[in-house]
């Protein structure tokens, strides 16, 4: 029953599948819509912002997508996915909004609460609050938000910002460091394992673009539009700014002076980030005895060129050359964080979050325009008309989507959250020849982090609060291997 509570809804943005979009509001007039500012009042919002109690999530990129609703197998991309390999019937539309969600943070109870939600991007868009909605209407509004968040999570935060962002790095590493058997490859090899194979498989299955596409019938935005979303992400990408945890947090207002204890992704993530940084520094110190040794290493320089060349890796913000040990260590730290902690944080909560489809749906079959006016009738409408099909008796749809859109999503997220056998705390045998002392020191730090997380989770369970264990080192794979 927790899925209906505001506290459970809000907690997702700190500790759920997509904890990388929430922002601290510093200047509400500039950061929020006029609708929200006018509704709650500039003075009240600024007062909350001055106390670091005002936060928000804004799905701006979804607002730029042109096809809404998105059809199950839209033309012309899927013109052979209908009955008898003909055009797909333009039925079974999937709707999405581009919401703006406003939160307040309660420091006394370390909890996030929902202040208001704007679903539409018009000048007269309604602001929904729990006090101005019926109980079931408010639940529908929150479900529309979680569906929007699901699409941004799966396609951008997960696939785009980890799997696909790591891919050019792996290819550049293979083409330079691995071929030359450079000592740095011992470190990076652990972060590259299985990712290219998984990305290849995803392109042929979950993210396939063509007739009867899984991504088309499972998600509200569809395959063609999620590629646009990833393109927008990549157009803004800079290596250290977007993949380095402290810089990425600061870009969303979570600077060092803003302490919000309930944001456990940040709390545990920074512990891991710092431990990885120490490991990377110690490893680089073992490989290079001076900055001059780095600058004169032709293989390392070729790695930088391969990664940044617009015709090859084309990674914006990656060093075009290496002149000192600190820069090499920072790159190793960032790559390891991206492939381990960051991916673990957006991947492993999936089954817990998506496992009950109404709690977090990848698509919805209705928007609010067809919602009953009587709040007492809304709940039945939600399950009959809005949430994904669990079973369908439409012969063509049954064949096209295997008849189980809801079940398919459950099976998929279950597969994606299977535990890894190559977590960051069991790699000792990988560093027997180089980096032995560095890894042993790292392992001790990881054990301390693990103990701290487990102790906090024990206290949370005693207080009847949900634990957060996704960044426990014993659960964090060294690479994107699932």
Protein backbone atom coordinates (compact mmCIF):
# COMPACT_ATOMS: atom_id res chain seq x y z
CA UNK A 1 0.00 0.00 0.00
CA UNK A 2 2.99 2.35 0.38
CA UNK A 3 3.00 3.16 -3.32
CA UNK A 4 0.03 5.50 -2.84
CA UNK A 5 1.65 7.57 -0.09
CA UNK A 6 3.21 10.94 -0.80
CA UNK A 7 6.27 9.99 1.22
CA UNK A 8 6.90 6.92 -0.97
CA UNK A 9 6.38 8.97 -4.13
CA UNK A 10 8.80 11.68 -2.99
CA UNK A 11 11.44 9.27 -1.72
CA UNK A 12 11.92 7.90 -5.25
CA UNK A 13 13.60 11.12 -6.29
CA UNK A 14 16.25 10.73 -3.58
CA UNK A 15 16.61 6.96 -3.34
CA UNK A 16 14.77 5.34 -6.26
CA UNK A 17 15.71 4.47 -9.81
CA UNK A 18 16.30 8.05 -10.94
CA UNK A 19 17.98 10.04 -8.14
CA UNK A 20 19.93 12.15 -10.63
CA UNK A 21 17.31 14.71 -11.71
CA UNK A 22 16.14 16.43 -8.53
CA UNK A 23 17.48 19.95 -8.04
CA UNK A 24 17.80 22.44 -5.21
CA UNK A 25 15.83 25.60 -5.95
CA UNK A 26 17.95 28.68 -5.29
CA UNK A 27 16.03 31.24 -7.34
CA UNK A 28 12.41 30.07 -7.74
CA UNK A 29 11.47 32.88 -10.12
CA UNK A 30 14.12 31.78 -12.60
CA UNK A 31 14.03 28.03 -12.04
CA UNK A 32 10.29 27.38 -11.78
CA UNK A 33 7.31 28.11 -14.00
CA UNK A 34 5.25 31.25 -13.55
CA UNK A 35 2.28 29.02 -12.75
CA UNK A 36 4.01 27.51 -9.72
CA UNK A 37 5.47 30.82 -8.53
CA UNK A 38 2.11 32.59 -8.81
CA UNK A 39 0.23 29.74 -7.17
CA UNK A 40 2.45 29.41 -4.08
CA UNK A 41 3.72 32.97 -3.94
CA UNK A 42 7.19 34.28 -4.66
CA UNK A 43 7.82 35.18 -1.01
CA UNK A 44 6.92 31.78 0.38
CA UNK A 45 8.99 29.92 -2.21
CA UNK A 46 12.02 32.16 -1.72
CA UNK A 47 11.80 31.70 2.05
CA UNK A 48 11.90 27.93 1.58
CA UNK A 49 14.74 28.26 -0.94
CA UNK A 50 16.80 30.36 1.49
CA UNK A 51 16.55 27.50 3.99
CA UNK A 52 17.50 24.89 1.35
CA UNK A 53 14.07 23.33 1.80
CA UNK A 54 12.75 23.81 -1.74
CA UNK A 55 13.56 21.23 -4.40
CA UNK A 56 12.13 20.40 -7.80
CA UNK A 57 12.26 18.11 -10.81
CA UNK A 58 11.46 19.49 -14.26
CA UNK A 59 11.09 17.21 -17.29
CA UNK A 60 11.90 19.90 -19.83
CA UNK A 61 13.20 17.59 -22.54
CA UNK A 62 9.92 15.69 -22.68
CA UNK A 63 8.14 18.95 -23.49
CA UNK A 64 10.10 19.23 -26.75
CA UNK A 65 8.93 15.88 -28.13
CA UNK A 66 6.38 16.27 -30.92
CA UNK A 67 4.58 12.90 -30.96
CA UNK A 68 2.25 12.73 -28.00
CA UNK A 69 0.40 10.43 -27.74
CA UNK A 70 2.88 8.00 -29.17
CA UNK A 71 1.31 5.06 -30.97
CA UNK A 72 2.24 1.52 -30.12
CA UNK A 73 3.99 0.94 -33.45
CA UNK A 74 3.95 4.35 -35.14
CA UNK A 75 4.13 4.96 -38.85
CA UNK A 76 6.27 5.23 -40.88
CA UNK A 77 9.02 3.66 -38.75
CA UNK A 78 7.05 0.48 -38.20
CA UNK A 79 5.05 0.21 -41.40
CA UNK A 80 5.37 -3.58 -41.48
CA UNK A 81 4.36 -4.31 -37.90
CA UNK A 82 0.60 -4.60 -38.36
CA UNK A 83 -1.55 -7.62 -39.26
CA UNK A 84 -0.24 -9.62 -42.23
CA UNK A 85 2.95 -7.52 -42.14
CA UNK A 86 1.03 -4.45 -43.24
CA UNK A 87 0.77 -1.01 -41.66
CA UNK A 88 0.31 -0.94 -37.91
CA UNK A 89 -3.17 0.11 -36.80
CA UNK A 90 -2.93 3.51 -35.16
CA UNK A 91 -4.45 2.35 -31.92
CA UNK A 92 -3.27 1.83 -28.34
CA UNK A 93 -1.83 5.35 -27.88
CA UNK A 94 0.53 6.08 -25.03
CA UNK A 95 0.40 9.48 -23.38
CA UNK A 96 2.98 11.45 -21.46
CA UNK A 97 3.30 14.82 -19.78
CA UNK A 98 6.38 16.95 -19.12
CA UNK A 99 5.74 17.65 -15.42
CA UNK A 100 7.33 20.04 -12.98
CA UNK A 101 7.25 18.70 -9.44
CA UNK A 102 7.87 20.87 -6.40
CA UNK A 103 9.07 19.42 -3.09
CA UNK A 104 9.78 20.64 0.41
CA UNK A 105 12.31 19.01 2.71
CA UNK A 106 11.58 18.39 6.39
CA UNK A 107 14.94 18.44 8.20
CA UNK A 108 13.39 17.28 11.48
CA UNK A 109 12.17 14.00 9.97
CA UNK A 110 14.66 13.80 7.07
CA UNK A 111 11.79 13.45 4.60
CA UNK A 112 10.86 14.91 1.26
CA UNK A 113 7.24 15.95 0.73
CA UNK A 114 5.31 16.97 -2.39
CA UNK A 115 4.27 20.61 -2.47
CA UNK A 116 2.68 20.73 -5.91
CA UNK A 117 2.68 19.32 -9.43
CA UNK A 118 2.23 21.01 -12.79
CA UNK A 119 1.62 18.52 -15.60
CA UNK A 120 1.16 20.71 -18.65
CA UNK A 121 3.38 23.43 -20.14
CA UNK A 122 0.75 26.05 -20.92
CA UNK A 123 0.38 29.51 -19.41
CA UNK A 124 -2.87 28.49 -17.72
CA UNK A 125 -1.70 25.02 -16.63
CA UNK A 126 -3.30 23.80 -13.43
CA UNK A 127 -1.19 23.31 -10.31
CA UNK A 128 -2.26 20.16 -8.49
CA UNK A 129 -1.86 19.76 -4.74
CA UNK A 130 -3.05 17.11 -2.33
CA UNK A 131 -5.36 19.69 -0.73
CA UNK A 132 -7.08 20.70 -3.98
CA UNK A 133 -7.49 17.22 -5.49
CA UNK A 134 -9.67 14.29 -4.67
CA UNK A 135 -7.74 11.35 -3.23
CA UNK A 136 -7.84 9.33 -6.45
CA UNK A 137 -7.27 12.34 -8.70
CA UNK A 138 -4.10 13.14 -6.74
CA UNK A 139 -2.95 9.56 -7.19
CA UNK A 140 -3.49 9.77 -10.95
CA UNK A 141 -1.44 12.98 -11.12
CA UNK A 142 1.44 11.33 -9.24
CA UNK A 143 1.26 8.29 -11.54
CA UNK A 144 1.55 10.57 -14.57
CA UNK A 145 4.72 11.98 -13.01
CA UNK A 146 6.24 8.57 -12.29
CA UNK A 147 5.52 7.47 -15.88
CA UNK A 148 7.33 10.54 -17.20
CA UNK A 149 10.18 9.83 -14.80
CA UNK A 150 10.32 6.20 -15.94
CA UNK A 151 10.93 7.23 -19.53
CA UNK A 152 13.64 9.71 -18.58
CA UNK A 153 15.17 7.13 -16.27
CA UNK A 154 15.29 4.15 -18.59
CA UNK A 155 16.29 5.94 -21.77
CA UNK A 156 18.44 8.82 -20.50
CA UNK A 157 19.69 8.33 -16.93
CA UNK A 158 20.22 4.59 -17.41
CA UNK A 159 20.81 3.68 -21.06
CA UNK A 160 22.14 7.03 -22.25
CA UNK A 161 24.15 8.29 -19.30
CA UNK A 162 25.81 4.99 -18.32
CA UNK A 163 25.67 2.26 -20.99
CA UNK A 164 26.07 4.43 -24.08
CA UNK A 165 28.24 7.09 -22.48
CA UNK A 166 30.72 4.41 -21.37
CA UNK A 167 30.88 2.84 -24.84
CA UNK A 168 33.29 5.26 -26.60
CA UNK A 169 35.58 5.10 -23.59
CA UNK A 170 35.75 1.31 -23.75
CA UNK A 171 36.51 1.31 -27.46
CA UNK A 172 39.27 3.90 -27.00
CA UNK A 173 40.72 1.93 -24.08
CA UNK A 174 40.71 -1.27 -26.13
CA UNK A 175 42.31 0.43 -29.14
CA UNK A 176 45.15 1.94 -27.12
CA UNK A 177 45.83 0.75 -23.57
CA UNK A 178 44.78 -2.85 -24.07
CA UNK A 179 46.63 -3.27 -27.36
CA UNK A 180 49.81 -1.87 -25.82
CA UNK A 181 49.33 -3.93 -22.62
CA UNK A 182 49.72 -0.73 -20.66
CA UNK A 183 49.62 -1.03 -16.84
CA UNK A 184 46.66 1.37 -16.70
CA UNK A 185 44.61 -1.27 -18.49
CA UNK A 186 44.79 -3.43 -15.36
CA UNK A 187 42.71 -0.79 -13.61
CA UNK A 188 40.31 -0.03 -16.46
CA UNK A 189 39.78 -3.61 -17.61
CA UNK A 190 37.55 -4.19 -14.60
CA UNK A 191 35.33 -1.29 -15.65
CA UNK A 192 34.90 -2.46 -19.26
CA UNK A 193 33.77 -6.03 -18.73
CA UNK A 194 30.71 -7.16 -20.79
CA UNK A 195 29.41 -3.66 -21.52
CA UNK A 196 29.86 -3.68 -25.30
CA UNK A 197 28.09 -7.04 -25.54
CA UNK A 198 25.18 -5.76 -23.46
CA UNK A 199 24.90 -2.60 -25.54
CA UNK A 200 24.87 -4.65 -28.73
CA UNK A 201 22.12 -6.84 -27.29
CA UNK A 202 20.11 -3.80 -26.17
CA UNK A 203 20.21 -2.33 -29.67
CA UNK A 204 18.73 -5.56 -31.00
CA UNK A 205 16.07 -5.97 -28.31
CA UNK A 206 15.05 -3.32 -25.77
CA UNK A 207 16.15 -0.38 -27.90
CA UNK A 208 15.54 -1.86 -31.36
CA UNK A 209 14.25 0.52 -34.01
CA UNK A 210 11.93 -1.22 -36.43
CA UNK A 211 8.79 -3.35 -36.75
CA UNK A 212 7.29 -4.53 -33.46
CA UNK A 213 9.90 -2.67 -31.45
CA UNK A 214 10.00 -3.56 -27.75
CA UNK A 215 10.80 0.03 -26.85
CA UNK A 216 7.82 1.28 -28.85
CA UNK A 217 5.19 -0.85 -27.16
CA UNK A 218 6.72 -0.60 -23.70
CA UNK A 219 7.42 3.13 -23.35
CA UNK A 220 5.36 6.27 -23.65
CA UNK A 221 7.85 8.18 -25.81
CA UNK A 222 8.87 5.33 -28.13
CA UNK A 223 12.21 4.45 -29.68
CA UNK A 224 12.54 7.32 -32.16
CA UNK A 225 11.85 9.91 -29.48
CA UNK A 226 14.05 8.37 -26.84
CA UNK A 227 16.91 8.70 -29.32
CA UNK A 228 16.09 12.41 -29.45
CA UNK A 229 16.24 12.56 -25.65
CA UNK A 230 19.66 10.90 -25.60
CA UNK A 231 20.81 13.27 -28.34
CA UNK A 232 19.82 16.23 -26.16
CA UNK A 233 21.70 14.73 -23.23
CA UNK A 234 24.82 14.20 -25.31
CA UNK A 235 24.69 17.73 -26.75
CA UNK A 236 25.09 19.06 -23.18
CA UNK A 237 27.61 16.46 -22.08
CA UNK A 238 31.05 17.23 -20.68
CA UNK A 239 33.10 14.42 -19.15
CA UNK A 240 34.14 15.79 -15.76
CA UNK A 241 31.06 17.97 -15.35
CA UNK A 242 28.42 15.33 -16.06
CA UNK A 243 30.15 12.08 -15.07
CA UNK A 244 32.13 13.33 -12.09
CA UNK A 245 29.86 13.03 -9.06
CA UNK A 246 30.72 16.23 -7.12
CA UNK A 247 30.42 18.42 -10.23
CA UNK A 248 27.20 16.74 -11.32
CA UNK A 249 25.66 17.19 -7.87
CA UNK A 250 26.76 20.83 -7.75
CA UNK A 251 25.14 21.46 -11.14
CA UNK A 252 21.82 20.54 -9.51
CA UNK A 253 22.42 22.77 -6.49
CA UNK A 254 23.77 20.10 -4.14
CA UNK A 255 26.92 21.99 -3.25
CA UNK A 256 28.98 21.21 -0.15
CA UNK A 257 27.13 23.83 1.91
CA UNK A 258 23.76 22.15 1.21
CA UNK A 259 23.43 19.21 3.56
CA UNK A 260 20.29 17.11 3.10
CA UNK A 261 20.67 13.85 5.03
CA UNK A 262 17.78 12.06 3.34
CA UNK A 263 19.50 12.14 -0.05
CA UNK A 264 21.14 8.74 0.37
CA UNK A 265 22.27 8.44 -3.25
CA UNK A 266 24.44 11.47 -2.62
CA UNK A 267 25.56 10.35 0.85
CA UNK A 268 26.63 6.85 -0.19
CA UNK A 269 27.75 7.97 -3.64
CA UNK A 270 30.22 10.50 -2.25
CA UNK A 271 31.70 7.87 0.05
CA UNK A 272 32.26 5.59 -2.92
CA UNK A 273 33.51 8.45 -5.09
CA UNK A 274 36.14 9.43 -2.53
CA UNK A 275 37.24 5.83 -2.00
CA UNK A 276 37.57 5.32 -5.74
CA UNK A 277 39.57 8.54 -5.96
CA UNK A 278 42.02 7.31 -3.36
CA UNK A 279 42.37 4.00 -5.18
CA UNK A 280 42.96 5.72 -8.52
CA UNK A 281 45.59 8.05 -7.03
CA UNK A 282 47.47 5.19 -5.36
CA UNK A 283 47.33 3.12 -8.56
CA UNK A 284 48.66 5.97 -10.70
CA UNK A 285 51.45 6.60 -8.18
CA UNK A 286 52.53 3.00 -8.65
CA UNK A 287 52.50 3.21 -12.45
CA UNK A 288 54.11 6.65 -12.87
CA UNK A 289 56.89 8.12 -10.73
CA UNK A 290 56.47 11.68 -12.01
CA UNK A 291 54.34 14.03 -14.09
CA UNK A 292 57.07 13.93 -16.71
CA UNK A 293 56.59 10.18 -17.04
CA UNK A 294 52.93 10.78 -17.84
CA UNK A 295 53.61 13.50 -20.39
CA UNK A 296 56.17 11.34 -22.21
CA UNK A 297 54.01 8.19 -22.32
CA UNK A 298 53.00 7.85 -25.98
CA UNK A 299 50.32 5.24 -25.30
CA UNK A 300 48.57 7.42 -22.75
CA UNK A 301 48.66 10.36 -25.16
CA UNK A 302 47.19 8.20 -27.90
CA UNK A 303 44.42 7.17 -25.51
CA UNK A 304 43.54 10.85 -24.98
CA UNK A 305 43.54 11.52 -28.73
CA UNK A 306 41.43 8.45 -29.52
CA UNK A 307 38.85 9.39 -26.89
CA UNK A 308 38.49 13.03 -27.95
CA UNK A 309 38.88 12.80 -31.74
CA UNK A 310 35.57 13.95 -33.29
CA UNK A 311 35.84 11.07 -35.78
CA UNK A 312 36.45 8.48 -33.05
CA UNK A 313 35.40 8.73 -29.39
CA UNK A 314 34.22 12.34 -29.63
CA UNK A 315 33.91 12.65 -25.83
CA UNK A 316 33.53 16.31 -24.95
CA UNK A 317 35.43 17.48 -21.88
CA UNK A 318 37.86 14.53 -21.80
CA UNK A 319 41.52 15.63 -21.67
CA UNK A 320 43.03 16.01 -25.15
CA UNK A 321 46.40 15.13 -23.61
CA UNK A 322 47.77 14.06 -20.24
CA UNK A 323 50.42 16.20 -18.60
CA UNK A 324 50.33 15.07 -14.96
CA UNK A 325 49.43 12.19 -12.68
CA UNK A 326 46.52 14.01 -11.05
CA UNK A 327 44.62 14.28 -14.33
CA UNK A 328 45.13 10.58 -15.06
CA UNK A 329 43.87 9.70 -11.58
CA UNK A 330 40.82 11.96 -12.00
CA UNK A 331 39.96 10.24 -15.28
CA UNK A 332 40.31 6.77 -13.73
CA UNK A 333 38.14 7.87 -10.81
CA UNK A 334 35.43 9.22 -13.10
CA UNK A 335 35.39 6.18 -15.38
CA UNK A 336 35.22 3.77 -12.46
CA UNK A 337 32.43 5.76 -10.79
CA UNK A 338 30.39 5.85 -14.00
CA UNK A 339 30.68 2.12 -14.62
CA UNK A 340 30.23 1.05 -10.99
CA UNK A 341 28.46 3.37 -8.55
CA UNK A 342 26.46 5.49 -11.00
CA UNK A 343 25.19 2.50 -12.96
CA UNK A 344 24.40 0.55 -9.80
CA UNK A 345 22.34 3.48 -8.48
CA UNK A 346 20.15 3.74 -11.59
CA UNK A 347 20.00 0.02 -12.41
CA UNK A 348 19.50 -2.04 -9.28
CA UNK A 349 16.46 -0.27 -7.82
CA UNK A 350 14.51 -1.23 -10.95
CA UNK A 351 12.81 -4.38 -9.74
CA UNK A 352 11.82 -2.81 -6.43
CA UNK A 353 10.43 0.26 -8.18
CA UNK A 354 8.97 -1.20 -11.39
CA UNK A 355 7.99 -4.54 -9.89
CA UNK A 356 4.49 -3.29 -9.08
CA UNK A 357 3.43 -1.69 -12.36
CA UNK A 358 1.01 0.94 -10.97
CA UNK A 359 3.79 2.23 -8.72
CA UNK A 360 6.03 3.04 -11.68
CA UNK A 361 4.81 2.47 -15.22
CA UNK A 362 6.83 2.74 -18.41
CA UNK A 363 3.75 3.90 -20.26
CA UNK A 364 0.19 4.97 -19.60
CA UNK A 365 -2.76 4.45 -21.94
CA UNK A 366 -4.65 7.61 -20.98
CA UNK A 367 -4.10 11.19 -19.90
CA UNK A 368 -6.34 13.25 -17.66
CA UNK A 369 -8.65 14.33 -20.47
CA UNK A 370 -10.69 11.12 -20.19
CA UNK A 371 -10.53 10.81 -16.40
CA UNK A 372 -13.97 10.65 -14.75
CA UNK A 373 -15.10 13.78 -12.94
CA UNK A 374 -16.36 11.81 -9.96
CA UNK A 375 -13.39 10.95 -7.74
CA UNK A 376 -15.13 7.74 -6.65
CA UNK A 377 -15.00 6.47 -10.25
CA UNK A 378 -11.37 7.33 -10.90
CA UNK A 379 -9.74 4.34 -9.25
CA UNK A 380 -11.49 1.80 -11.46
CA UNK A 381 -10.68 3.96 -14.53
CA UNK A 382 -7.00 3.97 -13.57
CA UNK A 383 -6.73 0.20 -13.63
CA UNK A 384 -9.04 -0.40 -16.56
CA UNK A 385 -8.02 2.43 -18.89
CA UNK A 386 -4.78 4.11 -17.76
CA UNK A 387 -2.25 1.54 -16.57
CA UNK A 388 -0.49 -0.82 -19.04
CA UNK A 389 -2.21 -3.97 -20.22
CA UNK A 390 -1.38 -6.95 -18.05
CA UNK A 391 -3.25 -9.18 -20.50
CA UNK A 392 -4.95 -8.32 -23.76
CA UNK A 393 -7.44 -10.22 -25.88
CA UNK A 394 -6.81 -8.18 -29.03
CA UNK A 395 -5.45 -10.84 -31.43
CA UNK A 396 -3.12 -8.52 -33.31
CA UNK A 397 -1.85 -6.81 -30.16
CA UNK A 398 -1.38 -10.16 -28.45
CA UNK A 399 0.88 -11.33 -31.28
CA UNK A 400 2.70 -8.02 -31.64
CA UNK A 401 3.49 -7.50 -27.97
CA UNK A 402 3.26 -11.10 -26.81
CA UNK A 403 0.04 -9.98 -25.11
CA UNK A 404 1.69 -9.15 -21.83
CA UNK A 405 3.04 -5.60 -21.81
CA UNK A 406 2.91 -5.39 -18.02
CA UNK A 407 4.37 -8.85 -17.51
CA UNK A 408 7.13 -8.19 -20.05
CA UNK A 409 8.25 -5.12 -18.15
CA UNK A 410 8.44 -7.15 -14.93
CA UNK A 411 10.49 -9.87 -16.57
CA UNK A 412 12.82 -7.30 -18.08
CA UNK A 413 13.56 -5.40 -14.88
CA UNK A 414 14.00 -8.67 -13.01
CA UNK A 415 16.64 -9.72 -15.53
CA UNK A 416 18.35 -6.32 -15.38
CA UNK A 417 18.72 -6.48 -11.61
CA UNK A 418 20.33 -9.90 -11.28
CA UNK A 419 23.36 -9.58 -8.97
CA UNK A 420 26.85 -9.44 -10.44
CA UNK A 421 29.70 -11.79 -9.54
CA UNK A 422 32.27 -9.06 -10.16
CA UNK A 423 31.62 -6.43 -7.54
CA UNK A 424 34.18 -3.80 -6.59
CA UNK A 425 34.97 -5.52 -3.27
CA UNK A 426 36.05 -8.88 -4.73
CA UNK A 427 38.71 -7.97 -7.30
CA UNK A 428 41.87 -8.90 -5.39
CA UNK A 429 42.95 -11.49 -7.95
CA UNK A 430 42.71 -8.88 -10.70
CA UNK A 431 45.45 -6.80 -9.07
CA UNK A 432 48.04 -9.44 -8.25
CA UNK A 433 50.63 -8.08 -10.70
CA UNK A 434 50.11 -4.33 -10.45
CA UNK A 435 48.14 -2.23 -7.97
CA UNK A 436 48.13 -4.81 -5.19
CA UNK A 437 48.76 -2.38 -2.33
CA UNK A 438 46.44 0.20 -3.85
CA UNK A 439 43.58 -2.29 -4.10
CA UNK A 440 44.17 -3.70 -0.59
CA UNK A 441 43.87 -0.17 0.81
CA UNK A 442 40.77 0.43 -1.31
CA UNK A 443 39.20 -2.79 -0.06
CA UNK A 444 39.66 -1.71 3.56
CA UNK A 445 37.91 1.57 2.79
CA UNK A 446 35.09 -0.30 1.06
CA UNK A 447 34.61 -2.53 4.08
CA UNK A 448 34.20 0.54 6.28
CA UNK A 449 31.64 2.02 3.88
CA UNK A 450 29.75 -1.26 3.79
CA UNK A 451 29.60 -1.43 7.58
CA UNK A 452 28.34 2.15 7.79
CA UNK A 453 25.61 1.54 5.23
CA UNK A 454 24.49 -1.68 6.88
CA UNK A 455 24.39 -0.03 10.32
CA UNK A 456 22.27 2.83 8.94
CA UNK A 457 19.94 0.38 7.21
CA UNK A 458 19.49 -1.56 10.44
CA UNK A 459 18.43 1.64 12.19
CA UNK A 460 16.10 2.52 9.30
CA UNK A 461 14.33 -0.82 9.52
CA UNK A 462 13.91 -0.44 13.26
CA UNK A 463 12.23 2.90 12.57
CA UNK A 464 10.05 1.26 9.89
CA UNK A 465 11.84 3.15 7.11
CA UNK A 466 13.07 1.73 3.83
CA UNK A 467 16.76 0.80 3.63
CA UNK A 468 19.04 2.02 0.83
CA UNK A 469 21.55 -0.65 -0.07
CA UNK A 470 22.21 -0.12 -3.77
CA UNK A 471 25.60 1.55 -3.21
CA UNK A 472 26.79 -0.92 -0.61
CA UNK A 473 30.15 -1.98 -2.15
CA UNK A 474 29.19 -5.64 -1.94
CA UNK A 475 26.29 -4.86 -4.32
CA UNK A 476 28.16 -2.61 -6.76
CA UNK A 477 29.53 -4.29 -9.91
CA UNK A 478 32.87 -3.08 -11.20
CA UNK A 479 31.43 -2.67 -14.70
CA UNK A 480 28.13 -2.30 -16.50
CA UNK A 481 27.73 -6.06 -16.81
CA UNK A 482 23.94 -6.34 -16.62
